[in-house]
Amino acid sequence: MLPDHLTPEIWLEQVLSSGEARKGGVVKRQIRDVERLVGRDAFLAEVERRGFQAVQNGRHFVIFCNMMPIRRVRAMDGRSNARS
């Protein structure tokens, strides 16, 4: 449950307008918290509305607060195969 002074809308605003989000960075939240506080669909809809991207990994949502491409990278022979 949220405290009386914190609505789902305020929580969403705080998460997706944090300093890191405003800088185009990355924020992470536990899926169970998102589902409990605002609901998965509402959260993901707001992420998309803002032009952000989200991935799910284990028990977390990782939100990329920008529209840059997301690439999975792996090392090959000790060298990354990602190109700049």
PDB file of N, CA and C in Angstrom:
ATOM      1  N   MET A   1       0.837  -1.192   0.000  1.00  0.00           N
ATOM      2  CA  MET A   1       0.000   0.000   0.000  1.00  0.00           C
ATOM      3  C   MET A   1       0.875   1.247   0.000  1.00  0.00           C
ATOM      4  N   LEU A   2       0.356   2.257  -0.659  1.00  0.00           N
ATOM      5  CA  LEU A   2       1.028   3.549  -0.663  1.00  0.00           C
ATOM      6  C   LEU A   2       0.587   4.363   0.546  1.00  0.00           C
ATOM      7  N   PRO A   3       1.471   5.188   1.071  1.00  0.00           N
ATOM      8  CA  PRO A   3       1.033   6.121   2.109  1.00  0.00           C
ATOM      9  C   PRO A   3      -0.040   7.053   1.547  1.00  0.00           C
ATOM     10  N   ASP A   4      -0.858   7.622   2.418  1.00  0.00           N
ATOM     11  CA  ASP A   4      -1.956   8.479   1.979  1.00  0.00           C
ATOM     12  C   ASP A   4      -1.503   9.631   1.078  1.00  0.00           C
ATOM     13  N   HIS A   5      -0.323  10.174   1.330  1.00  0.00           N
ATOM     14  CA  HIS A   5       0.148  11.329   0.566  1.00  0.00           C
ATOM     15  C   HIS A   5       0.750  10.946  -0.791  1.00  0.00           C
ATOM     16  N   LEU A   6       0.890   9.657  -1.058  1.00  0.00           N
ATOM     17  CA  LEU A   6       1.545   9.213  -2.292  1.00  0.00           C
ATOM     18  C   LEU A   6       0.559   8.406  -3.128  1.00  0.00           C
ATOM     19  N   THR A   7       0.145   8.981  -4.241  1.00  0.00           N
ATOM     20  CA  THR A   7      -0.770   8.292  -5.154  1.00  0.00           C
ATOM     21  C   THR A   7       0.036   7.536  -6.208  1.00  0.00           C
ATOM     22  N   PRO A   8      -0.587   6.613  -6.911  1.00  0.00           N
ATOM     23  CA  PRO A   8       0.135   5.941  -8.003  1.00  0.00           C
ATOM     24  C   PRO A   8       0.674   6.938  -9.037  1.00  0.00           C
ATOM     25  N   GLU A   9      -0.088   7.991  -9.307  1.00  0.00           N
ATOM     26  CA  GLU A   9       0.345   8.992 -10.289  1.00  0.00           C
ATOM     27  C   GLU A   9       1.584   9.741  -9.799  1.00  0.00           C
ATOM     28  N   ILE A  10       1.605  10.092  -8.519  1.00  0.00           N
ATOM     29  CA  ILE A  10       2.772  10.788  -7.961  1.00  0.00           C
ATOM     30  C   ILE A  10       3.987   9.862  -7.980  1.00  0.00           C
ATOM     31  N   TRP A  11       3.793   8.600  -7.628  1.00  0.00           N
ATOM     32  CA  TRP A  11       4.904   7.648  -7.629  1.00  0.00           C
ATOM     33  C   TRP A  11       5.489   7.522  -9.031  1.00  0.00           C
ATOM     34  N   LEU A  12       4.622   7.370 -10.032  1.00  0.00           N
ATOM     35  CA  LEU A  12       5.082   7.284 -11.422  1.00  0.00           C
ATOM     36  C   LEU A  12       5.874   8.523 -11.811  1.00  0.00           C
ATOM     37  N   GLU A  13       5.345   9.679 -11.468  1.00  0.00           N
ATOM     38  CA  GLU A  13       6.014  10.941 -11.798  1.00  0.00           C
ATOM     39  C   GLU A  13       7.392  11.009 -11.143  1.00  0.00           C
ATOM     40  N   GLN A  14       7.473  10.605  -9.887  1.00  0.00           N
ATOM     41  CA  GLN A  14       8.761  10.644  -9.179  1.00  0.00           C
ATOM     42  C   GLN A  14       9.785   9.715  -9.821  1.00  0.00           C
ATOM     43  N   VAL A  15       9.355   8.519 -10.189  1.00  0.00           N
ATOM     44  CA  VAL A  15      10.284   7.552 -10.787  1.00  0.00           C
ATOM     45  C   VAL A  15      10.737   8.006 -12.168  1.00  0.00           C
ATOM     46  N   LEU A  16       9.786   8.409 -13.005  1.00  0.00           N
ATOM     47  CA  LEU A  16      10.102   8.697 -14.404  1.00  0.00           C
ATOM     48  C   LEU A  16      10.536  10.141 -14.639  1.00  0.00           C
ATOM     49  N   SER A  17      10.596  10.937 -13.572  1.00  0.00           N
ATOM     50  CA  SER A  17      11.113  12.304 -13.663  1.00  0.00           C
ATOM     51  C   SER A  17      12.309  12.500 -12.745  1.00  0.00           C
ATOM     52  N   SER A  18      12.861  11.418 -12.254  1.00  0.00           N
ATOM     53  CA  SER A  18      14.022  11.507 -11.364  1.00  0.00           C
ATOM     54  C   SER A  18      15.181  12.174 -12.096  1.00  0.00           C
ATOM     55  N   GLY A  19      16.178  12.564 -11.359  1.00  0.00           N
ATOM     56  CA  GLY A  19      17.346  13.188 -11.969  1.00  0.00           C
ATOM     57  C   GLY A  19      17.973  12.318 -13.041  1.00  0.00           C
ATOM     58  N   GLU A  20      18.077  11.037 -12.756  1.00  0.00           N
ATOM     59  CA  GLU A  20      18.661  10.107 -13.724  1.00  0.00           C
ATOM     60  C   GLU A  20      17.801  10.030 -14.983  1.00  0.00           C
ATOM     61  N   ALA A  21      16.487   9.990 -14.806  1.00  0.00           N
ATOM     62  CA  ALA A  21      15.583   9.943 -15.958  1.00  0.00           C
ATOM     63  C   ALA A  21      15.681  11.226 -16.777  1.00  0.00           C
ATOM     64  N   ARG A  22      15.751  12.369 -16.106  1.00  0.00           N
ATOM     65  CA  ARG A  22      15.842  13.652 -16.822  1.00  0.00           C
ATOM     66  C   ARG A  22      17.134  13.769 -17.620  1.00  0.00           C
ATOM     67  N   LYS A  23      18.185  13.078 -17.172  1.00  0.00           N
ATOM     68  CA  LYS A  23      19.463  13.092 -17.886  1.00  0.00           C
ATOM     69  C   LYS A  23      19.512  12.057 -19.005  1.00  0.00           C
ATOM     70  N   GLY A  24      18.412  11.307 -19.195  1.00  0.00           N
ATOM     71  CA  GLY A  24      18.415  10.284 -20.233  1.00  0.00           C
ATOM     72  C   GLY A  24      19.090   9.008 -19.791  1.00  0.00           C
ATOM     73  N   GLY A  25      19.161   8.804 -18.487  1.00  0.00           N
ATOM     74  CA  GLY A  25      19.851   7.642 -17.940  1.00  0.00           C
ATOM     75  C   GLY A  25      18.964   6.423 -17.799  1.00  0.00           C
ATOM     76  N   VAL A  26      19.299   5.603 -16.827  1.00  0.00           N
ATOM     77  CA  VAL A  26      18.632   4.330 -16.610  1.00  0.00           C
ATOM     78  C   VAL A  26      18.116   4.271 -15.178  1.00  0.00           C
ATOM     79  N   VAL A  27      16.875   3.817 -15.017  1.00  0.00           N
ATOM     80  CA  VAL A  27      16.335   3.568 -13.685  1.00  0.00           C
ATOM     81  C   VAL A  27      15.846   2.133 -13.620  1.00  0.00           C
ATOM     82  N   LYS A  28      15.825   1.583 -12.409  1.00  0.00           N
ATOM     83  CA  LYS A  28      15.452   0.189 -12.220  1.00  0.00           C
ATOM     84  C   LYS A  28      14.457   0.115 -11.075  1.00  0.00           C
ATOM     85  N   ARG A  29      13.412  -0.711 -11.252  1.00  0.00           N
ATOM     86  CA  ARG A  29      12.424  -0.921 -10.200  1.00  0.00           C
ATOM     87  C   ARG A  29      12.041  -2.392 -10.159  1.00  0.00           C
ATOM     88  N   GLN A  30      11.767  -2.888  -8.965  1.00  0.00           N
ATOM     89  CA  GLN A  30      11.320  -4.264  -8.836  1.00  0.00           C
ATOM     90  C   GLN A  30       9.920  -4.408  -9.417  1.00  0.00           C
ATOM     91  N   ILE A  31       9.715  -5.477 -10.151  1.00  0.00           N
ATOM     92  CA  ILE A  31       8.431  -5.722 -10.801  1.00  0.00           C
ATOM     93  C   ILE A  31       7.310  -5.804  -9.771  1.00  0.00           C
ATOM     94  N   ARG A  32       7.559  -6.465  -8.656  1.00  0.00           N
ATOM     95  CA  ARG A  32       6.495  -6.604  -7.655  1.00  0.00           C
ATOM     96  C   ARG A  32       6.071  -5.253  -7.107  1.00  0.00           C
ATOM     97  N   ASP A  33       7.006  -4.315  -6.968  1.00  0.00           N
ATOM     98  CA  ASP A  33       6.650  -2.966  -6.499  1.00  0.00           C
ATOM     99  C   ASP A  33       5.809  -2.240  -7.540  1.00  0.00           C
ATOM    100  N   VAL A  34       6.216  -2.331  -8.796  1.00  0.00           N
ATOM    101  CA  VAL A  34       5.457  -1.693  -9.872  1.00  0.00           C
ATOM    102  C   VAL A  34       4.041  -2.243  -9.900  1.00  0.00           C
ATOM    103  N   GLU A  35       3.911  -3.562  -9.856  1.00  0.00           N
ATOM    104  CA  GLU A  35       2.585  -4.183  -9.921  1.00  0.00           C
ATOM    105  C   GLU A  35       1.734  -3.820  -8.711  1.00  0.00           C
ATOM    106  N   ARG A  36       2.348  -3.727  -7.559  1.00  0.00           N
ATOM    107  CA  ARG A  36       1.624  -3.410  -6.325  1.00  0.00           C
ATOM    108  C   ARG A  36       1.221  -1.941  -6.247  1.00  0.00           C
ATOM    109  N   LEU A  37       2.078  -1.065  -6.723  1.00  0.00           N
ATOM    110  CA  LEU A  37       1.856   0.371  -6.540  1.00  0.00           C
ATOM    111  C   LEU A  37       1.050   1.026  -7.656  1.00  0.00           C
ATOM    112  N   VAL A  38       1.313   0.657  -8.902  1.00  0.00           N
ATOM    113  CA  VAL A  38       0.615   1.318 -10.019  1.00  0.00           C
ATOM    114  C   VAL A  38       0.027   0.362 -11.045  1.00  0.00           C
ATOM    115  N   GLY A  39       0.493  -0.872 -11.056  1.00  0.00           N
ATOM    116  CA  GLY A  39       0.042  -1.824 -12.062  1.00  0.00           C
ATOM    117  C   GLY A  39       0.981  -1.856 -13.248  1.00  0.00           C
ATOM    118  N   ARG A  40       1.232  -3.038 -13.721  1.00  0.00           N
ATOM    119  CA  ARG A  40       2.169  -3.263 -14.823  1.00  0.00           C
ATOM    120  C   ARG A  40       1.766  -2.494 -16.084  1.00  0.00           C
ATOM    121  N   ASP A  41       0.501  -2.628 -16.497  1.00  0.00           N
ATOM    122  CA  ASP A  41       0.063  -1.996 -17.744  1.00  0.00           C
ATOM    123  C   ASP A  41       0.158  -0.474 -17.678  1.00  0.00           C
ATOM    124  N   ALA A  42      -0.266   0.115 -16.562  1.00  0.00           N
ATOM    125  CA  ALA A  42      -0.198   1.577 -16.410  1.00  0.00           C
ATOM    126  C   ALA A  42       1.254   2.053 -16.437  1.00  0.00           C
ATOM    127  N   PHE A  43       2.131   1.312 -15.774  1.00  0.00           N
ATOM    128  CA  PHE A  43       3.544   1.669 -15.743  1.00  0.00           C
ATOM    129  C   PHE A  43       4.153   1.628 -17.139  1.00  0.00           C
ATOM    130  N   LEU A  44       3.934   0.522 -17.838  1.00  0.00           N
ATOM    131  CA  LEU A  44       4.528   0.375 -19.166  1.00  0.00           C
ATOM    132  C   LEU A  44       3.927   1.358 -20.168  1.00  0.00           C
ATOM    133  N   ALA A  45       2.650   1.675 -20.026  1.00  0.00           N
ATOM    134  CA  ALA A  45       2.031   2.673 -20.900  1.00  0.00           C
ATOM    135  C   ALA A  45       2.679   4.037 -20.694  1.00  0.00           C
ATOM    136  N   GLU A  46       2.958   4.403 -19.446  1.00  0.00           N
ATOM    137  CA  GLU A  46       3.593   5.693 -19.174  1.00  0.00           C
ATOM    138  C   GLU A  46       5.037   5.719 -19.656  1.00  0.00           C
ATOM    139  N   VAL A  47       5.735   4.605 -19.511  1.00  0.00           N
ATOM    140  CA  VAL A  47       7.104   4.509 -20.036  1.00  0.00           C
ATOM    141  C   VAL A  47       7.085   4.777 -21.541  1.00  0.00           C
ATOM    142  N   GLU A  48       6.178   4.126 -22.244  1.00  0.00           N
ATOM    143  CA  GLU A  48       6.084   4.308 -23.697  1.00  0.00           C
ATOM    144  C   GLU A  48       5.626   5.709 -24.069  1.00  0.00           C
ATOM    145  N   ARG A  49       4.676   6.262 -23.320  1.00  0.00           N
ATOM    146  CA  ARG A  49       4.180   7.617 -23.605  1.00  0.00           C
ATOM    147  C   ARG A  49       5.316   8.637 -23.557  1.00  0.00           C
ATOM    148  N   ARG A  50       6.253   8.426 -22.660  1.00  0.00           N
ATOM    149  CA  ARG A  50       7.390   9.343 -22.512  1.00  0.00           C
ATOM    150  C   ARG A  50       8.493   9.072 -23.532  1.00  0.00           C
ATOM    151  N   GLY A  51       8.327   8.041 -24.348  1.00  0.00           N
ATOM    152  CA  GLY A  51       9.355   7.718 -25.329  1.00  0.00           C
ATOM    153  C   GLY A  51      10.512   6.933 -24.744  1.00  0.00           C
ATOM    154  N   PHE A  52      10.309   6.360 -23.559  1.00  0.00           N
ATOM    155  CA  PHE A  52      11.336   5.557 -22.918  1.00  0.00           C
ATOM    156  C   PHE A  52      11.173   4.104 -23.353  1.00  0.00           C
ATOM    157  N   GLN A  53      12.142   3.274 -22.971  1.00  0.00           N
ATOM    158  CA  GLN A  53      12.108   1.851 -23.285  1.00  0.00           C
ATOM    159  C   GLN A  53      12.327   1.061 -22.005  1.00  0.00           C
ATOM    160  N   ALA A  54      11.685  -0.081 -21.899  1.00  0.00           N
ATOM    161  CA  ALA A  54      11.854  -0.917 -20.706  1.00  0.00           C
ATOM    162  C   ALA A  54      12.157  -2.345 -21.112  1.00  0.00           C
ATOM    163  N   VAL A  55      12.982  -2.990 -20.317  1.00  0.00           N
ATOM    164  CA  VAL A  55      13.227  -4.413 -20.458  1.00  0.00           C
ATOM    165  C   VAL A  55      12.988  -5.053 -19.100  1.00  0.00           C
ATOM    166  N   GLN A  56      12.660  -6.326 -19.136  1.00  0.00           N
ATOM    167  CA  GLN A  56      12.479  -7.086 -17.910  1.00  0.00           C
ATOM    168  C   GLN A  56      13.644  -8.037 -17.784  1.00  0.00           C
ATOM    169  N   ASN A  57      14.255  -8.040 -16.606  1.00  0.00           N
ATOM    170  CA  ASN A  57      15.347  -8.963 -16.335  1.00  0.00           C
ATOM    171  C   ASN A  57      15.156  -9.480 -14.919  1.00  0.00           C
ATOM    172  N   GLY A  58      14.900 -10.766 -14.805  1.00  0.00           N
ATOM    173  CA  GLY A  58      14.674 -11.346 -13.483  1.00  0.00           C
ATOM    174  C   GLY A  58      13.502 -10.679 -12.803  1.00  0.00           C
ATOM    175  N   ARG A  59      13.743 -10.110 -11.649  1.00  0.00           N
ATOM    176  CA  ARG A  59      12.665  -9.481 -10.881  1.00  0.00           C
ATOM    177  C   ARG A  59      12.607  -7.959 -11.047  1.00  0.00           C
ATOM    178  N   HIS A  60      13.286  -7.438 -12.061  1.00  0.00           N
ATOM    179  CA  HIS A  60      13.354  -5.988 -12.254  1.00  0.00           C
ATOM    180  C   HIS A  60      12.881  -5.546 -13.635  1.00  0.00           C
ATOM    181  N   PHE A  61      12.334  -4.340 -13.664  1.00  0.00           N
ATOM    182  CA  PHE A  61      12.183  -3.591 -14.893  1.00  0.00           C
ATOM    183  C   PHE A  61      13.376  -2.645 -14.955  1.00  0.00           C
ATOM    184  N   VAL A  62      14.036  -2.595 -16.089  1.00  0.00           N
ATOM    185  CA  VAL A  62      15.120  -1.646 -16.319  1.00  0.00           C
ATOM    186  C   VAL A  62      14.596  -0.681 -17.374  1.00  0.00           C
ATOM    187  N   ILE A  63      14.533   0.600 -17.016  1.00  0.00           N
ATOM    188  CA  ILE A  63      13.956   1.599 -17.898  1.00  0.00           C
ATOM    189  C   ILE A  63      15.066   2.479 -18.449  1.00  0.00           C
ATOM    190  N   PHE A  64      15.177   2.505 -19.765  1.00  0.00           N
ATOM    191  CA  PHE A  64      16.140   3.349 -20.461  1.00  0.00           C
ATOM    192  C   PHE A  64      15.398   4.632 -20.809  1.00  0.00           C
ATOM    193  N   CYS A  65      15.766   5.717 -20.177  1.00  0.00           N
ATOM    194  CA  CYS A  65      15.028   6.971 -20.291  1.00  0.00           C
ATOM    195  C   CYS A  65      15.511   7.781 -21.491  1.00  0.00           C
ATOM    196  N   ASN A  66      15.565   7.116 -22.618  1.00  0.00           N
ATOM    197  CA  ASN A  66      15.975   7.732 -23.874  1.00  0.00           C
ATOM    198  C   ASN A  66      15.483   6.840 -25.002  1.00  0.00           C
ATOM    199  N   MET A  67      15.724   7.263 -26.218  1.00  0.00           N
ATOM    200  CA  MET A  67      15.270   6.487 -27.380  1.00  0.00           C
ATOM    201  C   MET A  67      16.439   5.855 -28.140  1.00  0.00           C
ATOM    202  N   MET A  68      17.594   5.799 -27.489  1.00  0.00           N
ATOM    203  CA  MET A  68      18.766   5.212 -28.128  1.00  0.00           C
ATOM    204  C   MET A  68      18.564   3.705 -28.310  1.00  0.00           C
ATOM    205  N   PRO A  69      19.167   3.125 -29.338  1.00  0.00           N
ATOM    206  CA  PRO A  69      19.054   1.678 -29.530  1.00  0.00           C
ATOM    207  C   PRO A  69      19.624   0.914 -28.331  1.00  0.00           C
ATOM    208  N   ILE A  70      19.011  -0.198 -28.030  1.00  0.00           N
ATOM    209  CA  ILE A  70      19.494  -1.080 -26.971  1.00  0.00           C
ATOM    210  C   ILE A  70      20.106  -2.294 -27.660  1.00  0.00           C
ATOM    211  N   ARG A  71      21.356  -2.562 -27.340  1.00  0.00           N
ATOM    212  CA  ARG A  71      22.033  -3.715 -27.927  1.00  0.00           C
ATOM    213  C   ARG A  71      22.547  -4.608 -26.817  1.00  0.00           C
ATOM    214  N   ARG A  72      22.366  -5.873 -26.957  1.00  0.00           N
ATOM    215  CA  ARG A  72      22.960  -6.821 -26.034  1.00  0.00           C
ATOM    216  C   ARG A  72      24.368  -7.090 -26.526  1.00  0.00           C
ATOM    217  N   VAL A  73      25.314  -7.019 -25.633  1.00  0.00           N
ATOM    218  CA  VAL A  73      26.713  -7.206 -26.038  1.00  0.00           C
ATOM    219  C   VAL A  73      27.308  -8.393 -25.302  1.00  0.00           C
ATOM    220  N   ARG A  74      28.225  -9.031 -25.975  1.00  0.00           N
ATOM    221  CA  ARG A  74      28.944 -10.176 -25.411  1.00  0.00           C
ATOM    222  C   ARG A  74      30.397 -10.091 -25.826  1.00  0.00           C
ATOM    223  N   ALA A  75      31.245 -10.611 -24.986  1.00  0.00           N
ATOM    224  CA  ALA A  75      32.661 -10.657 -25.318  1.00  0.00           C
ATOM    225  C   ALA A  75      32.933 -11.856 -26.219  1.00  0.00           C
ATOM    226  N   MET A  76      33.779 -11.626 -27.200  1.00  0.00           N
ATOM    227  CA  MET A  76      34.235 -12.706 -28.070  1.00  0.00           C
ATOM    228  C   MET A  76      35.757 -12.709 -28.015  1.00  0.00           C
ATOM    229  N   ASP A  77      36.330 -13.784 -27.564  1.00  0.00           N
ATOM    230  CA  ASP A  77      37.796 -13.863 -27.450  1.00  0.00           C
ATOM    231  C   ASP A  77      38.356 -12.718 -26.632  1.00  0.00           C
ATOM    232  N   GLY A  78      37.616 -12.342 -25.575  1.00  0.00           N
ATOM    233  CA  GLY A  78      38.104 -11.282 -24.701  1.00  0.00           C
ATOM    234  C   GLY A  78      37.857  -9.885 -25.235  1.00  0.00           C
ATOM    235  N   ARG A  79      37.206  -9.782 -26.387  1.00  0.00           N
ATOM    236  CA  ARG A  79      36.924  -8.463 -26.966  1.00  0.00           C
ATOM    237  C   ARG A  79      35.441  -8.341 -27.199  1.00  0.00           C
ATOM    238  N   SER A  80      34.911  -7.178 -26.939  1.00  0.00           N
ATOM    239  CA  SER A  80      33.484  -6.936 -27.151  1.00  0.00           C
ATOM    240  C   SER A  80      33.183  -6.901 -28.628  1.00  0.00           C
ATOM    241  N   ASN A  81      31.997  -7.401 -29.013  1.00  0.00           N
ATOM    242  CA  ASN A  81      31.615  -7.340 -30.411  1.00  0.00           C
ATOM    243  C   ASN A  81      30.754  -6.127 -30.716  1.00  0.00           C
ATOM    244  N   ALA A  82      30.529  -5.251 -29.727  1.00  0.00           N
ATOM    245  CA  ALA A  82      29.774  -4.018 -29.973  1.00  0.00           C
ATOM    246  C   ALA A  82      30.682  -3.014 -30.670  1.00  0.00           C
ATOM    247  N   ARG A  83      30.099  -2.283 -31.569  1.00  0.00           N
ATOM    248  CA  ARG A  83      30.856  -1.251 -32.286  1.00  0.00           C
ATOM    249  C   ARG A  83      30.362   0.106 -31.881  1.00  0.00           C
ATOM    250  N   SER A  84      31.248   1.052 -31.817  1.00  0.00           N
ATOM    251  CA  SER A  84      30.875   2.423 -31.470  1.00  0.00           C
ATOM    252  C   SER A  84      30.369   3.163 -32.669  1.00  0.00           C
TER     253      SER A  84
END
